[in-house]
PDB file of all heavy atoms in Angstrom:
ATOM      1  N   VAL A   1      -3.577 -19.206  -2.882  1.00  0.00           N
ATOM      2  CA  VAL A   1      -3.957 -19.884  -1.642  1.00  0.00           C
ATOM      3  C   VAL A   1      -3.623 -19.011  -0.429  1.00  0.00           C
ATOM      4  O   VAL A   1      -4.405 -18.943   0.526  1.00  0.00           O
ATOM      5  CB  VAL A   1      -3.318 -21.289  -1.541  1.00  0.00           C
ATOM      6  CG1 VAL A   1      -3.545 -21.913  -0.174  1.00  0.00           C
ATOM      7  CG2 VAL A   1      -3.872 -22.188  -2.643  1.00  0.00           C
ATOM      8  N   LEU A   2      -2.498 -18.320  -0.462  1.00  0.00           N
ATOM      9  CA  LEU A   2      -2.197 -17.374   0.617  1.00  0.00           C
ATOM     10  C   LEU A   2      -3.313 -16.336   0.720  1.00  0.00           C
ATOM     11  O   LEU A   2      -3.787 -16.015   1.819  1.00  0.00           O
ATOM     12  CB  LEU A   2      -0.857 -16.671   0.368  1.00  0.00           C
ATOM     13  CG  LEU A   2       0.406 -17.477   0.633  1.00  0.00           C
ATOM     14  CD1 LEU A   2       1.637 -16.736   0.115  1.00  0.00           C
ATOM     15  CD2 LEU A   2       0.562 -17.791   2.117  1.00  0.00           C
ATOM     16  N   ASN A   3      -3.742 -15.828  -0.424  1.00  0.00           N
ATOM     17  CA  ASN A   3      -4.820 -14.836  -0.450  1.00  0.00           C
ATOM     18  C   ASN A   3      -6.128 -15.442   0.058  1.00  0.00           C
ATOM     19  O   ASN A   3      -6.857 -14.815   0.819  1.00  0.00           O
ATOM     20  CB  ASN A   3      -4.976 -14.284  -1.867  1.00  0.00           C
ATOM     21  CG  ASN A   3      -5.785 -13.010  -1.904  1.00  0.00           C
ATOM     22  OD1 ASN A   3      -5.611 -12.130  -1.063  1.00  0.00           O
ATOM     23  ND2 ASN A   3      -6.657 -12.900  -2.878  1.00  0.00           N
ATOM     24  N   ASP A   4      -6.426 -16.682  -0.349  1.00  0.00           N
ATOM     25  CA  ASP A   4      -7.618 -17.397   0.146  1.00  0.00           C
ATOM     26  C   ASP A   4      -7.615 -17.508   1.670  1.00  0.00           C
ATOM     27  O   ASP A   4      -8.665 -17.501   2.303  1.00  0.00           O
ATOM     28  CB  ASP A   4      -7.671 -18.825  -0.418  1.00  0.00           C
ATOM     29  CG  ASP A   4      -8.438 -18.915  -1.724  1.00  0.00           C
ATOM     30  OD1 ASP A   4      -9.049 -17.918  -2.142  1.00  0.00           O
ATOM     31  OD2 ASP A   4      -8.418 -20.009  -2.326  1.00  0.00           O
ATOM     32  N   ASN A   5      -6.411 -17.642   2.225  1.00  0.00           N
ATOM     33  CA  ASN A   5      -6.265 -17.795   3.669  1.00  0.00           C
ATOM     34  C   ASN A   5      -6.192 -16.451   4.390  1.00  0.00           C
ATOM     35  O   ASN A   5      -5.757 -16.377   5.538  1.00  0.00           O
ATOM     36  CB  ASN A   5      -5.028 -18.633   3.999  1.00  0.00           C
ATOM     37  CG  ASN A   5      -5.194 -20.068   3.570  1.00  0.00           C
ATOM     38  OD1 ASN A   5      -6.304 -20.576   3.470  1.00  0.00           O
ATOM     39  ND2 ASN A   5      -4.090 -20.739   3.298  1.00  0.00           N
ATOM     40  N   ALA A   6      -6.601 -15.389   3.670  1.00  0.00           N
ATOM     41  CA  ALA A   6      -6.662 -14.026   4.229  1.00  0.00           C
ATOM     42  C   ALA A   6      -5.295 -13.497   4.650  1.00  0.00           C
ATOM     43  O   ALA A   6      -5.176 -12.716   5.591  1.00  0.00           O
ATOM     44  CB  ALA A   6      -7.661 -13.954   5.380  1.00  0.00           C
ATOM     45  N   THR A   7      -4.257 -13.928   3.955  1.00  0.00           N
ATOM     46  CA  THR A   7      -2.917 -13.397   4.207  1.00  0.00           C
ATOM     47  C   THR A   7      -2.853 -11.975   3.658  1.00  0.00           C
ATOM     48  O   THR A   7      -3.303 -11.709   2.541  1.00  0.00           O
ATOM     49  CB  THR A   7      -1.845 -14.268   3.521  1.00  0.00           C
ATOM     50  OG1 THR A   7      -2.008 -15.620   3.954  1.00  0.00           O
ATOM     51  CG2 THR A   7      -0.439 -13.793   3.832  1.00  0.00           C
ATOM     52  N   ASN A   8      -2.305 -11.078   4.419  1.00  0.00           N
ATOM     53  CA  ASN A   8      -2.158  -9.683   4.010  1.00  0.00           C
ATOM     54  C   ASN A   8      -1.400  -9.602   2.693  1.00  0.00           C
ATOM     55  O   ASN A   8      -0.391 -10.296   2.503  1.00  0.00           O
ATOM     56  CB  ASN A   8      -1.411  -8.937   5.128  1.00  0.00           C
ATOM     57  CG  ASN A   8      -1.164  -7.493   4.821  1.00  0.00           C
ATOM     58  OD1 ASN A   8      -0.436  -7.166   3.889  1.00  0.00           O
ATOM     59  ND2 ASN A   8      -1.752  -6.631   5.624  1.00  0.00           N
ATOM     60  N   VAL A   9      -1.857  -8.757   1.776  1.00  0.00           N
ATOM     61  CA  VAL A   9      -1.249  -8.674   0.444  1.00  0.00           C
ATOM     62  C   VAL A   9       0.217  -8.242   0.514  1.00  0.00           C
ATOM     63  O   VAL A   9       1.030  -8.645  -0.318  1.00  0.00           O
ATOM     64  CB  VAL A   9      -2.078  -7.763  -0.500  1.00  0.00           C
ATOM     65  CG1 VAL A   9      -1.957  -6.297  -0.122  1.00  0.00           C
ATOM     66  CG2 VAL A   9      -1.668  -7.969  -1.957  1.00  0.00           C
ATOM     67  N   PHE A  10       0.587  -7.455   1.527  1.00  0.00           N
ATOM     68  CA  PHE A  10       1.985  -7.045   1.659  1.00  0.00           C
ATOM     69  C   PHE A  10       2.864  -8.219   2.094  1.00  0.00           C
ATOM     70  O   PHE A  10       4.025  -8.322   1.703  1.00  0.00           O
ATOM     71  CB  PHE A  10       2.112  -5.859   2.637  1.00  0.00           C
ATOM     72  CG  PHE A  10       1.400  -4.635   2.139  1.00  0.00           C
ATOM     73  CD1 PHE A  10       0.199  -4.238   2.699  1.00  0.00           C
ATOM     74  CD2 PHE A  10       1.907  -3.908   1.070  1.00  0.00           C
ATOM     75  CE1 PHE A  10      -0.473  -3.131   2.225  1.00  0.00           C
ATOM     76  CE2 PHE A  10       1.247  -2.797   0.585  1.00  0.00           C
ATOM     77  CZ  PHE A  10       0.041  -2.409   1.159  1.00  0.00           C
ATOM     78  N   THR A  11       2.291  -9.129   2.879  1.00  0.00           N
ATOM     79  CA  THR A  11       3.005 -10.355   3.255  1.00  0.00           C
ATOM     80  C   THR A  11       3.184 -11.237   2.013  1.00  0.00           C
ATOM     81  O   THR A  11       4.266 -11.790   1.794  1.00  0.00           O
ATOM     82  CB  THR A  11       2.238 -11.110   4.352  1.00  0.00           C
ATOM     83  OG1 THR A  11       2.085 -10.250   5.486  1.00  0.00           O
ATOM     84  CG2 THR A  11       2.969 -12.384   4.770  1.00  0.00           C
ATOM     85  N   ILE A  12       2.128 -11.342   1.212  1.00  0.00           N
ATOM     86  CA  ILE A  12       2.222 -12.127  -0.035  1.00  0.00           C
ATOM     87  C   ILE A  12       3.299 -11.535  -0.930  1.00  0.00           C
ATOM     88  O   ILE A  12       4.117 -12.255  -1.502  1.00  0.00           O
ATOM     89  CB  ILE A  12       0.858 -12.189  -0.763  1.00  0.00           C
ATOM     90  CG1 ILE A  12      -0.184 -12.901   0.114  1.00  0.00           C
ATOM     91  CG2 ILE A  12       1.004 -12.899  -2.113  1.00  0.00           C
ATOM     92  CD1 ILE A  12      -1.601 -12.847  -0.432  1.00  0.00           C
ATOM     93  N   GLN A  13       3.333 -10.213  -1.042  1.00  0.00           N
ATOM     94  CA  GLN A  13       4.351  -9.540  -1.855  1.00  0.00           C
ATOM     95  C   GLN A  13       5.758  -9.931  -1.389  1.00  0.00           C
ATOM     96  O   GLN A  13       6.617 -10.254  -2.203  1.00  0.00           O
ATOM     97  CB  GLN A  13       4.169  -8.021  -1.771  1.00  0.00           C
ATOM     98  CG  GLN A  13       5.237  -7.238  -2.521  1.00  0.00           C
ATOM     99  CD  GLN A  13       5.202  -5.743  -2.235  1.00  0.00           C
ATOM    100  OE1 GLN A  13       4.438  -5.275  -1.396  1.00  0.00           O
ATOM    101  NE2 GLN A  13       6.040  -5.000  -2.933  1.00  0.00           N
ATOM    102  N   LYS A  14       5.983  -9.920  -0.077  1.00  0.00           N
ATOM    103  CA  LYS A  14       7.309 -10.282   0.465  1.00  0.00           C
ATOM    104  C   LYS A  14       7.635 -11.746   0.174  1.00  0.00           C
ATOM    105  O   LYS A  14       8.761 -12.070  -0.212  1.00  0.00           O
ATOM    106  CB  LYS A  14       7.350 -10.040   1.977  1.00  0.00           C
ATOM    107  CG  LYS A  14       7.446  -8.593   2.371  1.00  0.00           C
ATOM    108  CD  LYS A  14       8.842  -8.098   2.181  1.00  0.00           C
ATOM    109  CE  LYS A  14       9.005  -6.738   2.817  1.00  0.00           C
ATOM    110  NZ  LYS A  14      10.232  -6.096   2.376  1.00  0.00           N
ATOM    111  N   LEU A  15       6.645 -12.623   0.369  1.00  0.00           N
ATOM    112  CA  LEU A  15       6.885 -14.047   0.120  1.00  0.00           C
ATOM    113  C   LEU A  15       7.117 -14.335  -1.359  1.00  0.00           C
ATOM    114  O   LEU A  15       7.860 -15.248  -1.715  1.00  0.00           O
ATOM    115  CB  LEU A  15       5.715 -14.880   0.655  1.00  0.00           C
ATOM    116  CG  LEU A  15       5.600 -14.932   2.187  1.00  0.00           C
ATOM    117  CD1 LEU A  15       4.280 -15.576   2.602  1.00  0.00           C
ATOM    118  CD2 LEU A  15       6.781 -15.677   2.799  1.00  0.00           C
ATOM    119  N   MET A  16       6.472 -13.554  -2.230  1.00  0.00           N
ATOM    120  CA  MET A  16       6.662 -13.715  -3.675  1.00  0.00           C
ATOM    121  C   MET A  16       7.956 -13.040  -4.157  1.00  0.00           C
ATOM    122  O   MET A  16       8.381 -13.233  -5.276  1.00  0.00           O
ATOM    123  CB  MET A  16       5.470 -13.117  -4.433  1.00  0.00           C
ATOM    124  CG  MET A  16       4.149 -13.832  -4.189  1.00  0.00           C
ATOM    125  SD  MET A  16       4.070 -15.416  -5.011  1.00  0.00           S
ATOM    126  CE  MET A  16       3.904 -14.926  -6.718  1.00  0.00           C
ATOM    127  N   ARG A  17       8.529 -12.207  -3.285  1.00  0.00           N
ATOM    128  CA  ARG A  17       9.760 -11.482  -3.592  1.00  0.00           C
ATOM    129  C   ARG A  17       9.566 -10.514  -4.755  1.00  0.00           C
ATOM    130  O   ARG A  17      10.409 -10.400  -5.639  1.00  0.00           O
ATOM    131  CB  ARG A  17      10.914 -12.462  -3.817  1.00  0.00           C
ATOM    132  CG  ARG A  17      11.129 -13.352  -2.604  1.00  0.00           C
ATOM    133  CD  ARG A  17      12.058 -14.517  -2.786  1.00  0.00           C
ATOM    134  NE  ARG A  17      11.920 -15.310  -3.985  1.00  0.00           N
ATOM    135  CZ  ARG A  17      11.010 -16.269  -4.168  1.00  0.00           C
ATOM    136  NH1 ARG A  17      10.135 -16.534  -3.240  1.00  0.00           N
ATOM    137  NH2 ARG A  17      10.981 -16.958  -5.281  1.00  0.00           N
ATOM    138  N   HIS A  18       8.432  -9.804  -4.737  1.00  0.00           N
ATOM    139  CA  HIS A  18       8.134  -8.784  -5.745  1.00  0.00           C
ATOM    140  C   HIS A  18       8.517  -7.407  -5.208  1.00  0.00           C
ATOM    141  O   HIS A  18       8.267  -7.118  -4.044  1.00  0.00           O
ATOM    142  CB  HIS A  18       6.640  -8.766  -6.076  1.00  0.00           C
ATOM    143  CG  HIS A  18       6.179  -9.927  -6.876  1.00  0.00           C
ATOM    144  ND1 HIS A  18       4.899 -10.439  -6.783  1.00  0.00           N
ATOM    145  CD2 HIS A  18       6.806 -10.688  -7.810  1.00  0.00           C
ATOM    146  CE1 HIS A  18       4.762 -11.455  -7.613  1.00  0.00           C
ATOM    147  NE2 HIS A  18       5.909 -11.631  -8.236  1.00  0.00           N
ATOM    148  N   LYS A  19       9.055  -6.567  -6.073  1.00  0.00           N
ATOM    149  CA  LYS A  19       9.344  -5.187  -5.688  1.00  0.00           C
ATOM    150  C   LYS A  19       8.059  -4.365  -5.628  1.00  0.00           C
ATOM    151  O   LYS A  19       7.920  -3.470  -4.810  1.00  0.00           O
ATOM    152  CB  LYS A  19      10.304  -4.542  -6.694  1.00  0.00           C
ATOM    153  CG  LYS A  19      11.742  -4.864  -6.459  1.00  0.00           C
ATOM    154  CD  LYS A  19      12.610  -4.009  -7.338  1.00  0.00           C
ATOM    155  CE  LYS A  19      14.052  -4.197  -6.940  1.00  0.00           C
ATOM    156  NZ  LYS A  19      14.943  -3.280  -7.625  1.00  0.00           N
ATOM    157  N   ASN A  20       7.140  -4.665  -6.539  1.00  0.00           N
ATOM    158  CA  ASN A  20       5.949  -3.841  -6.714  1.00  0.00           C
ATOM    159  C   ASN A  20       4.699  -4.639  -6.356  1.00  0.00           C
ATOM    160  O   ASN A  20       4.512  -5.756  -6.841  1.00  0.00           O
ATOM    161  CB  ASN A  20       5.914  -3.376  -8.180  1.00  0.00           C
ATOM    162  CG  ASN A  20       4.855  -2.348  -8.445  1.00  0.00           C
ATOM    163  OD1 ASN A  20       3.768  -2.382  -7.883  1.00  0.00           O
ATOM    164  ND2 ASN A  20       5.179  -1.416  -9.325  1.00  0.00           N
ATOM    165  N   ILE A  21       3.836  -4.050  -5.553  1.00  0.00           N
ATOM    166  CA  ILE A  21       2.593  -4.721  -5.146  1.00  0.00           C
ATOM    167  C   ILE A  21       1.699  -5.013  -6.349  1.00  0.00           C
ATOM    168  O   ILE A  21       0.955  -5.991  -6.367  1.00  0.00           O
ATOM    169  CB  ILE A  21       1.842  -3.891  -4.066  1.00  0.00           C
ATOM    170  CG1 ILE A  21       0.799  -4.741  -3.354  1.00  0.00           C
ATOM    171  CG2 ILE A  21       1.188  -2.664  -4.646  1.00  0.00           C
ATOM    172  CD1 ILE A  21       1.307  -5.502  -2.215  1.00  0.00           C
ATOM    173  N   ALA A  22       1.787  -4.181  -7.385  1.00  0.00           N
ATOM    174  CA  ALA A  22       0.965  -4.393  -8.588  1.00  0.00           C
ATOM    175  C   ALA A  22       1.333  -5.717  -9.257  1.00  0.00           C
ATOM    176  O   ALA A  22       0.460  -6.407  -9.797  1.00  0.00           O
ATOM    177  CB  ALA A  22       1.140  -3.226  -9.564  1.00  0.00           C
ATOM    178  N   THR A  23       2.598  -6.099  -9.210  1.00  0.00           N
ATOM    179  CA  THR A  23       3.018  -7.381  -9.769  1.00  0.00           C
ATOM    180  C   THR A  23       2.388  -8.524  -8.991  1.00  0.00           C
ATOM    181  O   THR A  23       1.879  -9.486  -9.573  1.00  0.00           O
ATOM    182  CB  THR A  23       4.559  -7.509  -9.736  1.00  0.00           C
ATOM    183  OG1 THR A  23       5.131  -6.372 -10.389  1.00  0.00           O
ATOM    184  CG2 THR A  23       5.030  -8.785 -10.402  1.00  0.00           C
ATOM    185  N   THR A  24       2.385  -8.399  -7.675  1.00  0.00           N
ATOM    186  CA  THR A  24       1.768  -9.427  -6.835  1.00  0.00           C
ATOM    187  C   THR A  24       0.300  -9.591  -7.175  1.00  0.00           C
ATOM    188  O   THR A  24      -0.208 -10.711  -7.261  1.00  0.00           O
ATOM    189  CB  THR A  24       1.935  -9.061  -5.337  1.00  0.00           C
ATOM    190  OG1 THR A  24       3.320  -8.849  -5.074  1.00  0.00           O
ATOM    191  CG2 THR A  24       1.385 -10.157  -4.436  1.00  0.00           C
ATOM    192  N   MET A  25      -0.384  -8.490  -7.402  1.00  0.00           N
ATOM    193  CA  MET A  25      -1.818  -8.540  -7.686  1.00  0.00           C
ATOM    194  C   MET A  25      -2.113  -9.302  -8.986  1.00  0.00           C
ATOM    195  O   MET A  25      -3.184  -9.884  -9.135  1.00  0.00           O
ATOM    196  CB  MET A  25      -2.411  -7.122  -7.742  1.00  0.00           C
ATOM    197  CG  MET A  25      -2.303  -6.370  -6.417  1.00  0.00           C
ATOM    198  SD  MET A  25      -2.887  -7.300  -4.978  1.00  0.00           S
ATOM    199  CE  MET A  25      -4.620  -7.378  -5.307  1.00  0.00           C
ATOM    200  N   LEU A  26      -1.153  -9.332  -9.908  1.00  0.00           N
ATOM    201  CA  LEU A  26      -1.339 -10.096 -11.148  1.00  0.00           C
ATOM    202  C   LEU A  26      -1.367 -11.607 -10.887  1.00  0.00           C
ATOM    203  O   LEU A  26      -1.915 -12.367 -11.673  1.00  0.00           O
ATOM    204  CB  LEU A  26      -0.222  -9.785 -12.148  1.00  0.00           C
ATOM    205  CG  LEU A  26      -0.186  -8.370 -12.726  1.00  0.00           C
ATOM    206  CD1 LEU A  26       1.080  -8.174 -13.546  1.00  0.00           C
ATOM    207  CD2 LEU A  26      -1.428  -8.097 -13.557  1.00  0.00           C
ATOM    208  N   TYR A  27      -0.763 -12.022  -9.797  1.00  0.00           N
ATOM    209  CA  TYR A  27      -0.667 -13.448  -9.469  1.00  0.00           C
ATOM    210  C   TYR A  27      -1.860 -13.972  -8.689  1.00  0.00           C
ATOM    211  O   TYR A  27      -2.119 -15.153  -8.670  1.00  0.00           O
ATOM    212  CB  TYR A  27       0.603 -13.710  -8.632  1.00  0.00           C
ATOM    213  CG  TYR A  27       1.842 -13.772  -9.460  1.00  0.00           C
ATOM    214  CD1 TYR A  27       2.457 -12.620  -9.911  1.00  0.00           C
ATOM    215  CD2 TYR A  27       2.401 -14.995  -9.808  1.00  0.00           C
ATOM    216  CE1 TYR A  27       3.600 -12.674 -10.681  1.00  0.00           C
ATOM    217  CE2 TYR A  27       3.547 -15.063 -10.576  1.00  0.00           C
ATOM    218  CZ  TYR A  27       4.144 -13.891 -11.008  1.00  0.00           C
ATOM    219  OH  TYR A  27       5.272 -13.945 -11.769  1.00  0.00           O
ATOM    220  N   VAL A  28      -2.531 -13.080  -8.004  1.00  0.00           N
ATOM    221  CA  VAL A  28      -3.579 -13.488  -7.076  1.00  0.00           C
ATOM    222  C   VAL A  28      -4.914 -13.579  -7.800  1.00  0.00           C
ATOM    223  O   VAL A  28      -5.389 -12.601  -8.366  1.00  0.00           O
ATOM    224  CB  VAL A  28      -3.666 -12.499  -5.895  1.00  0.00           C
ATOM    225  CG1 VAL A  28      -4.821 -12.849  -4.981  1.00  0.00           C
ATOM    226  CG2 VAL A  28      -2.355 -12.483  -5.119  1.00  0.00           C
ATOM    227  N   ASN A  29      -5.484 -14.746  -7.811  1.00  0.00           N
ATOM    228  CA  ASN A  29      -6.833 -14.948  -8.356  1.00  0.00           C
ATOM    229  C   ASN A  29      -7.843 -14.719  -7.245  1.00  0.00           C
ATOM    230  O   ASN A  29      -7.644 -15.178  -6.128  1.00  0.00           O
ATOM    231  CB  ASN A  29      -6.999 -16.392  -8.854  1.00  0.00           C
ATOM    232  CG  ASN A  29      -6.757 -16.529 -10.320  1.00  0.00           C
ATOM    233  OD1 ASN A  29      -6.191 -15.653 -10.962  1.00  0.00           O
ATOM    234  ND2 ASN A  29      -7.183 -17.641 -10.868  1.00  0.00           N
ATOM    235  N   VAL A  30      -8.928 -14.040  -7.567  1.00  0.00           N
ATOM    236  CA  VAL A  30     -10.036 -13.964  -6.626  1.00  0.00           C
ATOM    237  C   VAL A  30     -10.884 -15.202  -6.874  1.00  0.00           C
ATOM    238  O   VAL A  30     -11.315 -15.469  -7.984  1.00  0.00           O
ATOM    239  CB  VAL A  30     -10.867 -12.677  -6.835  1.00  0.00           C
ATOM    240  CG1 VAL A  30     -12.082 -12.673  -5.911  1.00  0.00           C
ATOM    241  CG2 VAL A  30     -10.001 -11.451  -6.580  1.00  0.00           C
ATOM    242  N   THR A  31     -11.084 -15.977  -5.827  1.00  0.00           N
ATOM    243  CA  THR A  31     -11.791 -17.251  -5.964  1.00  0.00           C
ATOM    244  C   THR A  31     -13.199 -17.156  -5.384  1.00  0.00           C
ATOM    245  O   THR A  31     -13.506 -16.248  -4.609  1.00  0.00           O
ATOM    246  CB  THR A  31     -11.029 -18.374  -5.233  1.00  0.00           C
ATOM    247  OG1 THR A  31     -11.017 -18.076  -3.834  1.00  0.00           O
ATOM    248  CG2 THR A  31      -9.598 -18.508  -5.745  1.00  0.00           C
ATOM    249  N   ASP A  32     -14.032 -18.120  -5.742  1.00  0.00           N
ATOM    250  CA  ASP A  32     -15.387 -18.177  -5.190  1.00  0.00           C
ATOM    251  C   ASP A  32     -15.343 -18.286  -3.669  1.00  0.00           C
ATOM    252  O   ASP A  32     -16.186 -17.713  -2.972  1.00  0.00           O
ATOM    253  CB  ASP A  32     -16.163 -19.358  -5.785  1.00  0.00           C
ATOM    254  CG  ASP A  32     -16.581 -19.109  -7.227  1.00  0.00           C
ATOM    255  OD1 ASP A  32     -16.454 -17.952  -7.698  1.00  0.00           O
ATOM    256  OD2 ASP A  32     -17.021 -20.069  -7.881  1.00  0.00           O
ATOM    257  N   THR A  33     -14.362 -19.010  -3.152  1.00  0.00           N
ATOM    258  CA  THR A  33     -14.219 -19.146  -1.701  1.00  0.00           C
ATOM    259  C   THR A  33     -14.069 -17.778  -1.048  1.00  0.00           C
ATOM    260  O   THR A  33     -14.723 -17.485  -0.034  1.00  0.00           O
ATOM    261  CB  THR A  33     -12.986 -20.022  -1.362  1.00  0.00           C
ATOM    262  OG1 THR A  33     -13.137 -21.283  -1.980  1.00  0.00           O
ATOM    263  CG2 THR A  33     -12.797 -20.182   0.136  1.00  0.00           C
ATOM    264  N   GLN A  34     -13.233 -16.926  -1.637  1.00  0.00           N
ATOM    265  CA  GLN A  34     -13.040 -15.588  -1.088  1.00  0.00           C
ATOM    266  C   GLN A  34     -14.323 -14.770  -1.171  1.00  0.00           C
ATOM    267  O   GLN A  34     -14.669 -14.055  -0.227  1.00  0.00           O
ATOM    268  CB  GLN A  34     -11.930 -14.858  -1.848  1.00  0.00           C
ATOM    269  CG  GLN A  34     -10.559 -15.432  -1.596  1.00  0.00           C
ATOM    270  CD  GLN A  34      -9.553 -14.796  -2.517  1.00  0.00           C
ATOM    271  OE1 GLN A  34      -9.472 -15.125  -3.691  1.00  0.00           O
ATOM    272  NE2 GLN A  34      -8.807 -13.867  -1.978  1.00  0.00           N
ATOM    273  N   LEU A  35     -15.017 -14.873  -2.275  1.00  0.00           N
ATOM    274  CA  LEU A  35     -16.255 -14.107  -2.451  1.00  0.00           C
ATOM    275  C   LEU A  35     -17.313 -14.559  -1.448  1.00  0.00           C
ATOM    276  O   LEU A  35     -18.008 -13.739  -0.841  1.00  0.00           O
ATOM    277  CB  LEU A  35     -16.768 -14.250  -3.887  1.00  0.00           C
ATOM    278  CG  LEU A  35     -15.841 -13.685  -4.972  1.00  0.00           C
ATOM    279  CD1 LEU A  35     -16.364 -14.033  -6.361  1.00  0.00           C
ATOM    280  CD2 LEU A  35     -15.665 -12.178  -4.824  1.00  0.00           C
TER     281      LEU A  35
END
């Protein structure tokens, strides 16, 4: 939902408390809304 709301991926990474951005990307689904 953060990603759907166009939140910067680095902000999502911080909020998820991930060390690696690649880990964050595993959590983010690309939705039809985003497309």
